[in-house]
Amino acid sequence: VAKDFVDFSFTPSDSKQFHKLVTTQTPQEEAAVVRIPQWSHYDVLQKDVVVLLDAVQDPGNVGSIVSLCSAFDASLLLLESADITSPKVVRASVGALFTTPWIQMNFSEYVEMKQLLSEHTTYRLERRRNAVSFDAAVLKKPLILVAGSEGHGIRKEIEGISVSLTQSMNLESLNVTHALAIGLYELY
């Protein structure tokens, strides 16, 4: 965790406080009380690549995606997705939520923000019949890369160019984290 955000930290030797903070049976050797960063729209839109998650509810996926954004210099918009401050997301992000600009929003907040996003070309990462292959597409930055959950895909009416990853037909679809890992790597 970025030291700027830590208010208090505890180790197992601080038994009462430590065990009040941890939510796992086999925790790490240190737990902390931290302040959640407050990112602005400006912070998020400063990145050339903005990932927009549409209703991704699995905390492990969301935390891993925050880490991916950190690794590949992207920011994150969470549209009706898992709470980024939940303990599972925080653990899965391995501290990246303190260094990666992100904003949580509902759909009406997204609609209000559309004007700010208009300078970014939007690409929908999805497996569709008319989707352009990701490796053949000429993706122009700054861009927004939209991804949805495995079960439902992109649910919201978010206009954009459909792009897909070329893969074997042995598997219907990739996990959202795996698909974004490939896409972000290619964009980086």
Foldseek 3Di string as FASTA:
>chain_A
DPPVFFPDKDFCVVPPVVVVFDDDPDDDGMDTDTDQDDFDPVLQQVFFEEEEEAAAEDLLLLLLVLLLCVVLVHAYEYENYHDCPDPSSCVSVVNSSVPHHYDYDYPVVVVVCVVVCVVAAEEEEDDDPPAAELVPDDHDTSHYYYFYAPVPTHDDPDDHGYYYHDDDPPDPDDGRSVRVSVNSVVVD
